[in-house]
Amino acid sequence: MAMMLALAGMPLSPAPAKDSGKAAAADGKGEARKDTKDKLICRSEPVTGSRTQVKRTCMTQAQWDDLAERTRNGLRQFDQQSGKSS
């Protein structure tokens, strides 16, 4: 329950998708990794209070990683404030 409350207070604000408009020319492994970091990944989440609606959120892998890190930090702060330690 506490985790749900902490997550409910965290804003989920995906950045707008970037469209470079050019074909991916993977010259080397570094370019290929960069392209995979810029690729959009879409996830569906159920809408609270509805059995059928889902909210689709699309972000790059870097943005998903950033969101996960911010969520972990928020939960860690919540646990510290409530007197729990992980």
C-alpha atoms as a PDB file:
ATOM      1  CA  MET A   1       0.000   0.000   0.000  1.00  0.00           C
ATOM      2  CA  ALA A   2       2.802   2.427   0.899  1.00  0.00           C
ATOM      3  CA  MET A   3       4.533   1.743  -2.398  1.00  0.00           C
ATOM      4  CA  MET A   4       1.342   2.478  -4.317  1.00  0.00           C
ATOM      5  CA  LEU A   5       0.967   5.782  -2.479  1.00  0.00           C
ATOM      6  CA  ALA A   6       4.549   6.725  -3.255  1.00  0.00           C
ATOM      7  CA  LEU A   7       4.143   5.846  -6.920  1.00  0.00           C
ATOM      8  CA  ALA A   8       0.860   7.734  -7.127  1.00  0.00           C
ATOM      9  CA  GLY A   9       2.637  10.911  -6.041  1.00  0.00           C
ATOM     10  CA  MET A  10       5.401  10.570  -8.615  1.00  0.00           C
ATOM     11  CA  PRO A  11       4.736  12.334 -11.899  1.00  0.00           C
ATOM     12  CA  LEU A  12       4.889  10.214 -15.010  1.00  0.00           C
ATOM     13  CA  SER A  13       5.776  12.731 -17.664  1.00  0.00           C
ATOM     14  CA  PRO A  14       7.255  11.146 -20.745  1.00  0.00           C
ATOM     15  CA  ALA A  15       9.209  13.433 -23.015  1.00  0.00           C
ATOM     16  CA  PRO A  16       7.961  13.894 -26.548  1.00  0.00           C
ATOM     17  CA  ALA A  17       9.352  11.434 -29.035  1.00  0.00           C
ATOM     18  CA  LYS A  18      12.263  12.549 -31.187  1.00  0.00           C
ATOM     19  CA  ASP A  19      12.063  11.832 -34.884  1.00  0.00           C
ATOM     20  CA  SER A  20      15.454  12.327 -36.462  1.00  0.00           C
ATOM     21  CA  GLY A  21      14.056  11.777 -39.947  1.00  0.00           C
ATOM     22  CA  LYS A  22      17.144   9.955 -41.191  1.00  0.00           C
ATOM     23  CA  ALA A  23      17.858   6.297 -41.754  1.00  0.00           C
ATOM     24  CA  ALA A  24      20.016   4.604 -39.162  1.00  0.00           C
ATOM     25  CA  ALA A  25      23.434   4.057 -40.659  1.00  0.00           C
ATOM     26  CA  ALA A  26      25.074   1.712 -38.182  1.00  0.00           C
ATOM     27  CA  ASP A  27      28.768   2.117 -39.015  1.00  0.00           C
ATOM     28  CA  GLY A  28      29.962   0.484 -35.817  1.00  0.00           C
ATOM     29  CA  LYS A  29      28.794  -0.987 -32.565  1.00  0.00           C
ATOM     30  CA  GLY A  30      28.655   2.432 -30.890  1.00  0.00           C
ATOM     31  CA  GLU A  31      26.167   3.659 -33.476  1.00  0.00           C
ATOM     32  CA  ALA A  32      24.042   0.543 -33.078  1.00  0.00           C
ATOM     33  CA  ARG A  33      23.899   1.024 -29.298  1.00  0.00           C
ATOM     34  CA  LYS A  34      22.978   4.674 -29.720  1.00  0.00           C
ATOM     35  CA  ASP A  35      20.159   3.744 -32.076  1.00  0.00           C
ATOM     36  CA  THR A  36      18.731   1.244 -29.593  1.00  0.00           C
ATOM     37  CA  LYS A  37      18.822   3.907 -26.852  1.00  0.00           C
ATOM     38  CA  ASP A  38      16.827   6.274 -29.102  1.00  0.00           C
ATOM     39  CA  LYS A  39      14.262   3.659 -30.117  1.00  0.00           C
ATOM     40  CA  LEU A  40      10.822   4.225 -28.609  1.00  0.00           C
ATOM     41  CA  ILE A  41       9.546   1.581 -26.216  1.00  0.00           C
ATOM     42  CA  CYS A  42       5.812   1.630 -25.514  1.00  0.00           C
ATOM     43  CA  ARG A  43       4.251   0.131 -22.398  1.00  0.00           C
ATOM     44  CA  SER A  44       0.580  -0.216 -21.524  1.00  0.00           C
ATOM     45  CA  GLU A  45      -0.677   0.413 -17.991  1.00  0.00           C
ATOM     46  CA  PRO A  46      -4.205  -0.259 -16.754  1.00  0.00           C
ATOM     47  CA  VAL A  47      -6.256   2.844 -15.929  1.00  0.00           C
ATOM     48  CA  THR A  48      -7.372   2.941 -12.302  1.00  0.00           C
ATOM     49  CA  GLY A  49     -11.125   2.526 -12.015  1.00  0.00           C
ATOM     50  CA  SER A  50     -11.556   0.888 -15.398  1.00  0.00           C
ATOM     51  CA  ARG A  51     -11.443  -2.739 -16.375  1.00  0.00           C
ATOM     52  CA  THR A  52     -10.941  -2.160 -20.068  1.00  0.00           C
ATOM     53  CA  GLN A  53      -9.003   1.074 -20.552  1.00  0.00           C
ATOM     54  CA  VAL A  54      -5.232   1.148 -20.750  1.00  0.00           C
ATOM     55  CA  LYS A  55      -2.847   4.083 -20.930  1.00  0.00           C
ATOM     56  CA  ARG A  56      -0.038   3.671 -23.419  1.00  0.00           C
ATOM     57  CA  THR A  57       3.224   5.463 -22.628  1.00  0.00           C
ATOM     58  CA  CYS A  58       6.095   5.636 -25.107  1.00  0.00           C
ATOM     59  CA  MET A  59       9.616   6.676 -24.101  1.00  0.00           C
ATOM     60  CA  THR A  60      13.178   5.861 -25.079  1.00  0.00           C
ATOM     61  CA  GLN A  61      15.184   3.343 -23.046  1.00  0.00           C
ATOM     62  CA  ALA A  62      17.138   6.203 -21.476  1.00  0.00           C
ATOM     63  CA  GLN A  63      13.876   7.841 -20.391  1.00  0.00           C
ATOM     64  CA  TRP A  64      12.532   4.556 -18.957  1.00  0.00           C
ATOM     65  CA  ASP A  65      15.820   4.131 -17.056  1.00  0.00           C
ATOM     66  CA  ASP A  66      15.548   7.697 -15.725  1.00  0.00           C
ATOM     67  CA  LEU A  67      11.955   7.103 -14.615  1.00  0.00           C
ATOM     68  CA  ALA A  68      12.965   3.886 -12.830  1.00  0.00           C
ATOM     69  CA  GLU A  69      15.820   5.695 -11.054  1.00  0.00           C
ATOM     70  CA  ARG A  70      13.530   8.546  -9.954  1.00  0.00           C
ATOM     71  CA  THR A  71      10.967   6.007  -8.713  1.00  0.00           C
ATOM     72  CA  ARG A  72      13.627   4.122  -6.729  1.00  0.00           C
ATOM     73  CA  ASN A  73      14.855   7.377  -5.178  1.00  0.00           C
ATOM     74  CA  GLY A  74      11.304   8.427  -4.303  1.00  0.00           C
ATOM     75  CA  LEU A  75      10.574   5.080  -2.654  1.00  0.00           C
ATOM     76  CA  ARG A  76      13.864   5.230  -0.767  1.00  0.00           C
ATOM     77  CA  GLN A  77      12.974   8.704   0.557  1.00  0.00           C
ATOM     78  CA  PHE A  78       9.489   7.525   1.484  1.00  0.00           C
ATOM     79  CA  ASP A  79      10.911   4.554   3.400  1.00  0.00           C
ATOM     80  CA  GLN A  80      13.377   6.795   5.236  1.00  0.00           C
ATOM     81  CA  GLN A  81      10.651   9.260   6.205  1.00  0.00           C
ATOM     82  CA  SER A  82       8.379   6.504   7.461  1.00  0.00           C
ATOM     83  CA  GLY A  83      11.156   4.975   9.569  1.00  0.00           C
ATOM     84  CA  LYS A  84      11.780   1.887   7.458  1.00  0.00           C
ATOM     85  CA  SER A  85      15.085   0.942   5.893  1.00  0.00           C
ATOM     86  CA  SER A  86      15.680  -1.338   2.923  1.00  0.00           C
END
